[in-house]
PDB file of all heavy atoms in Angstrom:
ATOM      1  N   GLY A   1     177.941  84.438 131.353  1.00  0.00           N
ATOM      2  CA  GLY A   1     177.331  83.505 132.294  1.00  0.00           C
ATOM      3  C   GLY A   1     177.719  83.688 133.747  1.00  0.00           C
ATOM      4  O   GLY A   1     177.268  82.932 134.606  1.00  0.00           O
ATOM      5  N   ARG A   2     178.583  84.637 134.039  1.00  0.00           N
ATOM      6  CA  ARG A   2     178.974  84.864 135.433  1.00  0.00           C
ATOM      7  C   ARG A   2     177.841  85.523 136.211  1.00  0.00           C
ATOM      8  O   ARG A   2     176.958  86.152 135.632  1.00  0.00           O
ATOM      9  CB  ARG A   2     180.214  85.755 135.515  1.00  0.00           C
ATOM     10  CG  ARG A   2     181.448  85.075 134.973  1.00  0.00           C
ATOM     11  CD  ARG A   2     182.642  85.969 135.069  1.00  0.00           C
ATOM     12  NE  ARG A   2     182.522  87.022 134.055  1.00  0.00           N
ATOM     13  CZ  ARG A   2     183.342  88.049 133.962  1.00  0.00           C
ATOM     14  NH1 ARG A   2     184.333  88.187 134.821  1.00  0.00           N
ATOM     15  NH2 ARG A   2     183.192  88.947 133.024  1.00  0.00           N
ATOM     16  N   ASP A   3     177.892  85.396 137.534  1.00  0.00           N
ATOM     17  CA  ASP A   3     176.897  86.027 138.390  1.00  0.00           C
ATOM     18  C   ASP A   3     177.013  87.542 138.299  1.00  0.00           C
ATOM     19  O   ASP A   3     178.089  88.089 138.053  1.00  0.00           O
ATOM     20  CB  ASP A   3     177.110  85.632 139.855  1.00  0.00           C
ATOM     21  CG  ASP A   3     176.745  84.192 140.132  1.00  0.00           C
ATOM     22  OD1 ASP A   3     176.049  83.582 139.304  1.00  0.00           O
ATOM     23  OD2 ASP A   3     177.168  83.681 141.179  1.00  0.00           O
ATOM     24  N   LEU A   4     175.894  88.206 138.528  1.00  0.00           N
ATOM     25  CA  LEU A   4     175.845  89.654 138.644  1.00  0.00           C
ATOM     26  C   LEU A   4     175.621  89.938 140.119  1.00  0.00           C
ATOM     27  O   LEU A   4     174.659  89.441 140.706  1.00  0.00           O
ATOM     28  CB  LEU A   4     174.679  90.187 137.812  1.00  0.00           C
ATOM     29  CG  LEU A   4     174.801  91.545 137.196  1.00  0.00           C
ATOM     30  CD1 LEU A   4     175.964  91.575 136.219  1.00  0.00           C
ATOM     31  CD2 LEU A   4     173.529  91.903 136.476  1.00  0.00           C
ATOM     32  N   VAL A   5     176.523  90.693 140.760  1.00  0.00           N
ATOM     33  CA  VAL A   5     176.445  90.952 142.192  1.00  0.00           C
ATOM     34  C   VAL A   5     176.373  92.457 142.424  1.00  0.00           C
ATOM     35  O   VAL A   5     177.197  93.202 141.898  1.00  0.00           O
ATOM     36  CB  VAL A   5     177.679  90.364 142.927  1.00  0.00           C
ATOM     37  CG1 VAL A   5     177.636  90.695 144.404  1.00  0.00           C
ATOM     38  CG2 VAL A   5     177.772  88.872 142.710  1.00  0.00           C
ATOM     39  N   ILE A   6     175.388  92.886 143.207  1.00  0.00           N
ATOM     40  CA  ILE A   6     175.301  94.282 143.626  1.00  0.00           C
ATOM     41  C   ILE A   6     175.733  94.321 145.081  1.00  0.00           C
ATOM     42  O   ILE A   6     175.064  93.778 145.959  1.00  0.00           O
ATOM     43  CB  ILE A   6     173.887  94.854 143.438  1.00  0.00           C
ATOM     44  CG1 ILE A   6     173.511  94.815 141.965  1.00  0.00           C
ATOM     45  CG2 ILE A   6     173.811  96.271 143.990  1.00  0.00           C
ATOM     46  CD1 ILE A   6     172.129  95.300 141.645  1.00  0.00           C
ATOM     47  N   ASP A   7     176.869  94.937 145.320  1.00  0.00           N
ATOM     48  CA  ASP A   7     177.498  94.977 146.639  1.00  0.00           C
ATOM     49  C   ASP A   7     177.097  96.269 147.347  1.00  0.00           C
ATOM     50  O   ASP A   7     177.561  97.346 146.999  1.00  0.00           O
ATOM     51  CB  ASP A   7     179.012  94.898 146.466  1.00  0.00           C
ATOM     52  CG  ASP A   7     179.756  94.726 147.775  1.00  0.00           C
ATOM     53  OD1 ASP A   7     179.147  94.925 148.850  1.00  0.00           O
ATOM     54  OD2 ASP A   7     180.952  94.400 147.722  1.00  0.00           O
ATOM     55  N   LEU A   8     176.229  96.150 148.359  1.00  0.00           N
ATOM     56  CA  LEU A   8     175.713  97.306 149.094  1.00  0.00           C
ATOM     57  C   LEU A   8     176.432  97.531 150.422  1.00  0.00           C
ATOM     58  O   LEU A   8     176.019  98.374 151.199  1.00  0.00           O
ATOM     59  CB  LEU A   8     174.210  97.118 149.349  1.00  0.00           C
ATOM     60  CG  LEU A   8     173.347  96.940 148.109  1.00  0.00           C
ATOM     61  CD1 LEU A   8     171.962  96.470 148.489  1.00  0.00           C
ATOM     62  CD2 LEU A   8     173.302  98.227 147.331  1.00  0.00           C
ATOM     63  N   ARG A   9     177.509  96.783 150.684  1.00  0.00           N
ATOM     64  CA  ARG A   9     178.163  96.861 151.991  1.00  0.00           C
ATOM     65  C   ARG A   9     178.738  98.228 152.287  1.00  0.00           C
ATOM     66  O   ARG A   9     178.811  98.635 153.435  1.00  0.00           O
ATOM     67  CB  ARG A   9     179.268  95.806 152.092  1.00  0.00           C
ATOM     68  CG  ARG A   9     178.712  94.394 152.087  1.00  0.00           C
ATOM     69  CD  ARG A   9     179.802  93.375 152.100  1.00  0.00           C
ATOM     70  NE  ARG A   9     180.525  93.440 150.829  1.00  0.00           N
ATOM     71  CZ  ARG A   9     181.583  92.706 150.550  1.00  0.00           C
ATOM     72  NH1 ARG A   9     182.060  91.874 151.455  1.00  0.00           N
ATOM     73  NH2 ARG A   9     182.176  92.799 149.379  1.00  0.00           N
ATOM     74  N   ARG A  10     179.172  98.983 151.283  1.00  0.00           N
ATOM     75  CA  ARG A  10     179.756 100.306 151.511  1.00  0.00           C
ATOM     76  C   ARG A  10     178.794 101.439 151.182  1.00  0.00           C
ATOM     77  O   ARG A  10     179.198 102.598 151.146  1.00  0.00           O
ATOM     78  CB  ARG A  10     181.030 100.462 150.696  1.00  0.00           C
ATOM     79  CG  ARG A  10     182.114  99.530 151.170  1.00  0.00           C
ATOM     80  CD  ARG A  10     183.385  99.813 150.467  1.00  0.00           C
ATOM     81  NE  ARG A  10     184.411  98.923 150.982  1.00  0.00           N
ATOM     82  CZ  ARG A  10     185.684  99.110 150.811  1.00  0.00           C
ATOM     83  NH1 ARG A  10     186.115 100.142 150.135  1.00  0.00           N
ATOM     84  NH2 ARG A  10     186.555  98.260 151.306  1.00  0.00           N
ATOM     85  N   ALA A  11     177.555 101.108 150.935  1.00  0.00           N
ATOM     86  CA  ALA A  11     176.560 102.139 150.637  1.00  0.00           C
ATOM     87  C   ALA A  11     176.221 102.903 151.913  1.00  0.00           C
ATOM     88  O   ALA A  11     176.016 102.305 152.969  1.00  0.00           O
ATOM     89  CB  ALA A  11     175.305 101.504 150.061  1.00  0.00           C
ATOM     90  N   ALA A  12     176.195 104.224 151.807  1.00  0.00           N
ATOM     91  CA  ALA A  12     175.897 105.058 152.970  1.00  0.00           C
ATOM     92  C   ALA A  12     174.416 105.005 153.318  1.00  0.00           C
ATOM     93  O   ALA A  12     174.049 104.934 154.487  1.00  0.00           O
ATOM     94  CB  ALA A  12     176.326 106.495 152.697  1.00  0.00           C
ATOM     95  N   ALA A  13     173.576 105.049 152.322  1.00  0.00           N
ATOM     96  CA  ALA A  13     172.133 104.997 152.523  1.00  0.00           C
ATOM     97  C   ALA A  13     171.535 104.226 151.353  1.00  0.00           C
ATOM     98  O   ALA A  13     171.928 104.418 150.214  1.00  0.00           O
ATOM     99  CB  ALA A  13     171.550 106.400 152.578  1.00  0.00           C
ATOM    100  N   VAL A  14     170.599 103.345 151.676  1.00  0.00           N
ATOM    101  CA  VAL A  14     169.986 102.524 150.643  1.00  0.00           C
ATOM    102  C   VAL A  14     168.475 102.635 150.782  1.00  0.00           C
ATOM    103  O   VAL A  14     167.930 102.416 151.856  1.00  0.00           O
ATOM    104  CB  VAL A  14     170.408 101.045 150.768  1.00  0.00           C
ATOM    105  CG1 VAL A  14     169.774 100.206 149.686  1.00  0.00           C
ATOM    106  CG2 VAL A  14     171.914 100.918 150.718  1.00  0.00           C
ATOM    107  N   ASP A  15     167.813 102.974 149.700  1.00  0.00           N
ATOM    108  CA  ASP A  15     166.358 103.028 149.665  1.00  0.00           C
ATOM    109  C   ASP A  15     165.853 101.629 149.322  1.00  0.00           C
ATOM    110  O   ASP A  15     166.179 101.090 148.264  1.00  0.00           O
ATOM    111  CB  ASP A  15     165.913 104.053 148.616  1.00  0.00           C
ATOM    112  CG  ASP A  15     164.423 104.286 148.618  1.00  0.00           C
ATOM    113  OD1 ASP A  15     163.678 103.478 149.204  1.00  0.00           O
ATOM    114  OD2 ASP A  15     163.995 105.295 148.024  1.00  0.00           O
ATOM    115  N   ALA A  16     165.067 101.033 150.211  1.00  0.00           N
ATOM    116  CA  ALA A  16     164.587  99.663 150.008  1.00  0.00           C
ATOM    117  C   ALA A  16     163.738  99.559 148.753  1.00  0.00           C
ATOM    118  O   ALA A  16     163.758  98.536 148.063  1.00  0.00           O
ATOM    119  CB  ALA A  16     163.802  99.194 151.226  1.00  0.00           C
ATOM    120  N   ARG A  17     163.009 100.609 148.404  1.00  0.00           N
ATOM    121  CA  ARG A  17     162.174 100.608 147.203  1.00  0.00           C
ATOM    122  C   ARG A  17     163.034 100.469 145.947  1.00  0.00           C
ATOM    123  O   ARG A  17     162.702  99.730 145.024  1.00  0.00           O
ATOM    124  CB  ARG A  17     161.354 101.897 147.170  1.00  0.00           C
ATOM    125  CG  ARG A  17     160.425 102.039 146.014  1.00  0.00           C
ATOM    126  CD  ARG A  17     159.622 103.336 146.113  1.00  0.00           C
ATOM    127  NE  ARG A  17     160.420 104.513 146.466  1.00  0.00           N
ATOM    128  CZ  ARG A  17     161.118 105.242 145.602  1.00  0.00           C
ATOM    129  NH1 ARG A  17     161.146 104.908 144.330  1.00  0.00           N
ATOM    130  NH2 ARG A  17     161.801 106.284 145.993  1.00  0.00           N
ATOM    131  N   ILE A  18     164.170 101.149 145.926  1.00  0.00           N
ATOM    132  CA  ILE A  18     165.080 101.080 144.776  1.00  0.00           C
ATOM    133  C   ILE A  18     165.719  99.698 144.692  1.00  0.00           C
ATOM    134  O   ILE A  18     165.874  99.140 143.609  1.00  0.00           O
ATOM    135  CB  ILE A  18     166.141 102.192 144.863  1.00  0.00           C
ATOM    136  CG1 ILE A  18     165.457 103.546 144.688  1.00  0.00           C
ATOM    137  CG2 ILE A  18     167.236 101.996 143.834  1.00  0.00           C
ATOM    138  CD1 ILE A  18     166.347 104.727 144.939  1.00  0.00           C
ATOM    139  N   THR A  19     166.067  99.127 145.835  1.00  0.00           N
ATOM    140  CA  THR A  19     166.631  97.775 145.859  1.00  0.00           C
ATOM    141  C   THR A  19     165.625  96.774 145.299  1.00  0.00           C
ATOM    142  O   THR A  19     165.991  95.889 144.517  1.00  0.00           O
ATOM    143  CB  THR A  19     167.028  97.383 147.290  1.00  0.00           C
ATOM    144  OG1 THR A  19     167.910  98.362 147.807  1.00  0.00           O
ATOM    145  CG2 THR A  19     167.698  96.035 147.332  1.00  0.00           C
ATOM    146  N   ALA A  20     164.348  96.912 145.684  1.00  0.00           N
ATOM    147  CA  ALA A  20     163.307  96.022 145.168  1.00  0.00           C
ATOM    148  C   ALA A  20     163.158  96.187 143.658  1.00  0.00           C
ATOM    149  O   ALA A  20     162.981  95.203 142.934  1.00  0.00           O
ATOM    150  CB  ALA A  20     161.986  96.303 145.871  1.00  0.00           C
ATOM    151  N   ASP A  21     163.256  97.427 143.174  1.00  0.00           N
ATOM    152  CA  ASP A  21     163.147  97.683 141.736  1.00  0.00           C
ATOM    153  C   ASP A  21     164.309  97.034 140.980  1.00  0.00           C
ATOM    154  O   ASP A  21     164.103  96.388 139.949  1.00  0.00           O
ATOM    155  CB  ASP A  21     163.107  99.188 141.473  1.00  0.00           C
ATOM    156  CG  ASP A  21     162.915  99.505 140.003  1.00  0.00           C
ATOM    157  OD1 ASP A  21     162.035  98.882 139.366  1.00  0.00           O
ATOM    158  OD2 ASP A  21     163.644 100.374 139.488  1.00  0.00           O
ATOM    159  N   LEU A  22     165.539  97.187 141.494  1.00  0.00           N
ATOM    160  CA  LEU A  22     166.700  96.552 140.848  1.00  0.00           C
ATOM    161  C   LEU A  22     166.556  95.038 140.847  1.00  0.00           C
ATOM    162  O   LEU A  22     166.854  94.374 139.855  1.00  0.00           O
ATOM    163  CB  LEU A  22     167.992  96.957 141.554  1.00  0.00           C
ATOM    164  CG  LEU A  22     168.497  98.373 141.319  1.00  0.00           C
ATOM    165  CD1 LEU A  22     169.693  98.659 142.204  1.00  0.00           C
ATOM    166  CD2 LEU A  22     168.860  98.573 139.863  1.00  0.00           C
ATOM    167  N   SER A  23     166.089  94.495 141.956  1.00  0.00           N
ATOM    168  CA  SER A  23     165.915  93.052 142.074  1.00  0.00           C
ATOM    169  C   SER A  23     164.904  92.540 141.050  1.00  0.00           C
ATOM    170  O   SER A  23     165.125  91.515 140.410  1.00  0.00           O
ATOM    171  CB  SER A  23     165.457  92.705 143.490  1.00  0.00           C
ATOM    172  OG  SER A  23     165.219  91.331 143.615  1.00  0.00           O
ATOM    173  N   SER A  24     163.814  93.271 140.860  1.00  0.00           N
ATOM    174  CA  SER A  24     162.793  92.822 139.911  1.00  0.00           C
ATOM    175  C   SER A  24     163.268  92.980 138.460  1.00  0.00           C
ATOM    176  O   SER A  24     162.955  92.162 137.611  1.00  0.00           O
ATOM    177  CB  SER A  24     161.487  93.578 140.124  1.00  0.00           C
ATOM    178  OG  SER A  24     161.642  94.939 139.792  1.00  0.00           O
ATOM    179  N   ARG A  25     164.044  94.019 138.169  1.00  0.00           N
ATOM    180  CA  ARG A  25     164.523  94.216 136.793  1.00  0.00           C
ATOM    181  C   ARG A  25     165.554  93.173 136.392  1.00  0.00           C
ATOM    182  O   ARG A  25     165.588  92.727 135.257  1.00  0.00           O
ATOM    183  CB  ARG A  25     165.115  95.612 136.632  1.00  0.00           C
ATOM    184  CG  ARG A  25     164.052  96.672 136.613  1.00  0.00           C
ATOM    185  CD  ARG A  25     164.681  98.001 136.333  1.00  0.00           C
ATOM    186  NE  ARG A  25     163.711  99.045 136.528  1.00  0.00           N
ATOM    187  CZ  ARG A  25     163.502  99.997 135.634  1.00  0.00           C
ATOM    188  NH1 ARG A  25     164.194 100.017 134.516  1.00  0.00           N
ATOM    189  NH2 ARG A  25     162.624 100.929 135.872  1.00  0.00           N
ATOM    190  N   PHE A  26     166.441  92.808 137.340  1.00  0.00           N
ATOM    191  CA  PHE A  26     167.461  91.808 137.030  1.00  0.00           C
ATOM    192  C   PHE A  26     166.932  90.389 137.190  1.00  0.00           C
ATOM    193  O   PHE A  26     167.478  89.454 136.632  1.00  0.00           O
ATOM    194  CB  PHE A  26     168.692  91.995 137.917  1.00  0.00           C
ATOM    195  CG  PHE A  26     169.546  93.159 137.539  1.00  0.00           C
ATOM    196  CD1 PHE A  26     169.784  94.180 138.427  1.00  0.00           C
ATOM    197  CD2 PHE A  26     170.121  93.236 136.281  1.00  0.00           C
ATOM    198  CE1 PHE A  26     170.581  95.260 138.087  1.00  0.00           C
ATOM    199  CE2 PHE A  26     170.918  94.312 135.923  1.00  0.00           C
ATOM    200  CZ  PHE A  26     171.144  95.324 136.835  1.00  0.00           C
ATOM    201  N   GLY A  27     165.912  90.217 138.012  1.00  0.00           N
ATOM    202  CA  GLY A  27     165.336  88.893 138.237  1.00  0.00           C
ATOM    203  C   GLY A  27     166.252  88.008 139.061  1.00  0.00           C
ATOM    204  O   GLY A  27     167.020  88.476 139.897  1.00  0.00           O
ATOM    205  N   ALA A  28     166.205  86.727 138.781  1.00  0.00           N
ATOM    206  CA  ALA A  28     166.976  85.752 139.559  1.00  0.00           C
ATOM    207  C   ALA A  28     168.454  85.785 139.227  1.00  0.00           C
ATOM    208  O   ALA A  28     169.255  85.174 139.915  1.00  0.00           O
ATOM    209  CB  ALA A  28     166.427  84.355 139.331  1.00  0.00           C
ATOM    210  N   GLY A  29     168.843  86.519 138.193  1.00  0.00           N
ATOM    211  CA  GLY A  29     170.239  86.536 137.774  1.00  0.00           C
ATOM    212  C   GLY A  29     171.122  87.473 138.555  1.00  0.00           C
ATOM    213  O   GLY A  29     172.245  87.744 138.142  1.00  0.00           O
ATOM    214  N   VAL A  30     170.664  87.980 139.681  1.00  0.00           N
ATOM    215  CA  VAL A  30     171.474  88.906 140.467  1.00  0.00           C
ATOM    216  C   VAL A  30     171.471  88.490 141.935  1.00  0.00           C
ATOM    217  O   VAL A  30     170.485  87.968 142.439  1.00  0.00           O
ATOM    218  CB  VAL A  30     170.953  90.365 140.310  1.00  0.00           C
ATOM    219  CG1 VAL A  30     169.614  90.550 140.980  1.00  0.00           C
ATOM    220  CG2 VAL A  30     171.948  91.364 140.857  1.00  0.00           C
ATOM    221  N   ARG A  31     172.615  88.686 142.569  1.00  0.00           N
ATOM    222  CA  ARG A  31     172.729  88.520 144.023  1.00  0.00           C
ATOM    223  C   ARG A  31     173.066  89.883 144.607  1.00  0.00           C
ATOM    224  O   ARG A  31     173.752  90.684 143.970  1.00  0.00           O
ATOM    225  CB  ARG A  31     173.864  87.561 144.394  1.00  0.00           C
ATOM    226  CG  ARG A  31     173.532  86.135 144.243  1.00  0.00           C
ATOM    227  CD  ARG A  31     174.633  85.221 144.759  1.00  0.00           C
ATOM    228  NE  ARG A  31     175.964  85.581 144.290  1.00  0.00           N
ATOM    229  CZ  ARG A  31     177.004  85.842 145.097  1.00  0.00           C
ATOM    230  NH1 ARG A  31     176.883  85.789 146.394  1.00  0.00           N
ATOM    231  NH2 ARG A  31     178.176  86.134 144.585  1.00  0.00           N
ATOM    232  N   MET A  32     172.621  90.135 145.814  1.00  0.00           N
ATOM    233  CA  MET A  32     172.953  91.373 146.496  1.00  0.00           C
ATOM    234  C   MET A  32     173.673  91.029 147.789  1.00  0.00           C
ATOM    235  O   MET A  32     173.312  90.079 148.471  1.00  0.00           O
ATOM    236  CB  MET A  32     171.694  92.180 146.777  1.00  0.00           C
ATOM    237  CG  MET A  32     171.013  92.618 145.521  1.00  0.00           C
ATOM    238  SD  MET A  32     169.729  93.810 145.844  1.00  0.00           S
ATOM    239  CE  MET A  32     169.036  93.964 144.220  1.00  0.00           C
ATOM    240  N   LEU A  33     174.705  91.816 148.089  1.00  0.00           N
ATOM    241  CA  LEU A  33     175.448  91.649 149.335  1.00  0.00           C
ATOM    242  C   LEU A  33     175.140  92.842 150.224  1.00  0.00           C
ATOM    243  O   LEU A  33     175.139  93.976 149.754  1.00  0.00           O
ATOM    244  CB  LEU A  33     176.951  91.585 149.067  1.00  0.00           C
ATOM    245  CG  LEU A  33     177.445  90.423 148.219  1.00  0.00           C
ATOM    246  CD1 LEU A  33     178.950  90.556 147.995  1.00  0.00           C
ATOM    247  CD2 LEU A  33     177.123  89.107 148.880  1.00  0.00           C
TER     248      LEU A  33
END
């Protein structure tokens, strides 16, 4: 039941399309930093 957090603060490069895909697969049960 704990939150699922994807921490992007130290990512060198992030593809917005991939972030959108991860967000849709996990749904509301994930937070991104």
